[in-house]
Amino acid sequence: MFKVEKPEMINKTFRLPLDLVEKLAMVAQNQGVSVNNLVKQCCEYALNHLEKSGC
């Protein structure tokens, strides 16, 4: 049976350099996703690819 799931989310505020925010916005627009979704995916990718000594 199909079950709609909604992951728990929390709001956080981060300060990022203007040039990085502009690059993220451009990539998000080109990929057809929200900046929030892009940042989430970037963070997940970075965390999944940390060197083992970094954890």
C-alpha atoms as a PDB file:
ATOM      1  CA  MET A   1       0.000   0.000   0.000  1.00  0.00           C
ATOM      2  CA  PHE A   2       1.212   3.506  -0.812  1.00  0.00           C
ATOM      3  CA  LYS A   3       2.090   5.581   2.249  1.00  0.00           C
ATOM      4  CA  VAL A   4       2.924   9.287   2.018  1.00  0.00           C
ATOM      5  CA  GLU A   5       5.861  10.093   4.273  1.00  0.00           C
ATOM      6  CA  LYS A   6       7.016  13.491   5.413  1.00  0.00           C
ATOM      7  CA  PRO A   7      10.447  13.622   7.048  1.00  0.00           C
ATOM      8  CA  GLU A   8      10.784  15.772  10.142  1.00  0.00           C
ATOM      9  CA  MET A   9      12.385  19.093   9.273  1.00  0.00           C
ATOM     10  CA  ILE A  10      13.811  21.890  11.408  1.00  0.00           C
ATOM     11  CA  ASN A  11      14.627  25.487  10.523  1.00  0.00           C
ATOM     12  CA  LYS A  12      18.201  26.708  11.003  1.00  0.00           C
ATOM     13  CA  THR A  13      19.877  29.936   9.998  1.00  0.00           C
ATOM     14  CA  PHE A  14      23.354  29.924   8.457  1.00  0.00           C
ATOM     15  CA  ARG A  15      25.470  32.824   7.291  1.00  0.00           C
ATOM     16  CA  LEU A  16      27.045  32.228   3.893  1.00  0.00           C
ATOM     17  CA  PRO A  17      29.149  34.468   1.652  1.00  0.00           C
ATOM     18  CA  LEU A  18      27.151  36.309  -1.003  1.00  0.00           C
ATOM     19  CA  ASP A  19      29.098  34.751  -3.885  1.00  0.00           C
ATOM     20  CA  LEU A  20      28.337  31.235  -2.595  1.00  0.00           C
ATOM     21  CA  VAL A  21      24.619  32.015  -2.233  1.00  0.00           C
ATOM     22  CA  GLU A  22      24.558  33.388  -5.775  1.00  0.00           C
ATOM     23  CA  LYS A  23      26.271  30.245  -7.126  1.00  0.00           C
ATOM     24  CA  LEU A  24      23.859  28.011  -5.213  1.00  0.00           C
ATOM     25  CA  ALA A  25      20.881  29.952  -6.570  1.00  0.00           C
ATOM     26  CA  MET A  26      22.181  29.656 -10.118  1.00  0.00           C
ATOM     27  CA  VAL A  27      22.800  25.913  -9.863  1.00  0.00           C
ATOM     28  CA  ALA A  28      19.414  25.346  -8.217  1.00  0.00           C
ATOM     29  CA  GLN A  29      17.627  27.249 -10.965  1.00  0.00           C
ATOM     30  CA  ASN A  30      19.522  25.391 -13.699  1.00  0.00           C
ATOM     31  CA  GLN A  31      18.671  22.051 -12.083  1.00  0.00           C
ATOM     32  CA  GLY A  32      15.034  22.928 -11.401  1.00  0.00           C
ATOM     33  CA  VAL A  33      15.217  22.495  -7.622  1.00  0.00           C
ATOM     34  CA  SER A  34      14.927  24.838  -4.677  1.00  0.00           C
ATOM     35  CA  VAL A  35      18.034  26.308  -3.078  1.00  0.00           C
ATOM     36  CA  ASN A  36      16.989  24.552   0.125  1.00  0.00           C
ATOM     37  CA  ASN A  37      16.890  21.195  -1.641  1.00  0.00           C
ATOM     38  CA  LEU A  38      20.264  21.827  -3.271  1.00  0.00           C
ATOM     39  CA  VAL A  39      21.920  22.814   0.019  1.00  0.00           C
ATOM     40  CA  LYS A  40      20.462  19.704   1.695  1.00  0.00           C
ATOM     41  CA  GLN A  41      21.859  17.481  -1.051  1.00  0.00           C
ATOM     42  CA  CYS A  42      25.258  19.220  -0.947  1.00  0.00           C
ATOM     43  CA  CYS A  43      25.491  18.731   2.821  1.00  0.00           C
ATOM     44  CA  GLU A  44      24.476  15.070   2.599  1.00  0.00           C
ATOM     45  CA  TYR A  45      27.034  14.457  -0.154  1.00  0.00           C
ATOM     46  CA  ALA A  46      29.816  16.184   1.793  1.00  0.00           C
ATOM     47  CA  LEU A  47      29.032  14.275   4.981  1.00  0.00           C
ATOM     48  CA  ASN A  48      28.890  10.954   3.126  1.00  0.00           C
ATOM     49  CA  HIS A  49      32.290  11.624   1.550  1.00  0.00           C
ATOM     50  CA  LEU A  50      34.238  12.850   4.582  1.00  0.00           C
ATOM     51  CA  GLU A  51      37.455  11.073   5.282  1.00  0.00           C
ATOM     52  CA  LYS A  52      36.957   8.554   8.052  1.00  0.00           C
ATOM     53  CA  SER A  53      39.307  10.472  10.367  1.00  0.00           C
ATOM     54  CA  GLY A  54      37.046  13.544  10.025  1.00  0.00           C
ATOM     55  CA  CYS A  55      34.104  11.963  11.856  1.00  0.00           C
END
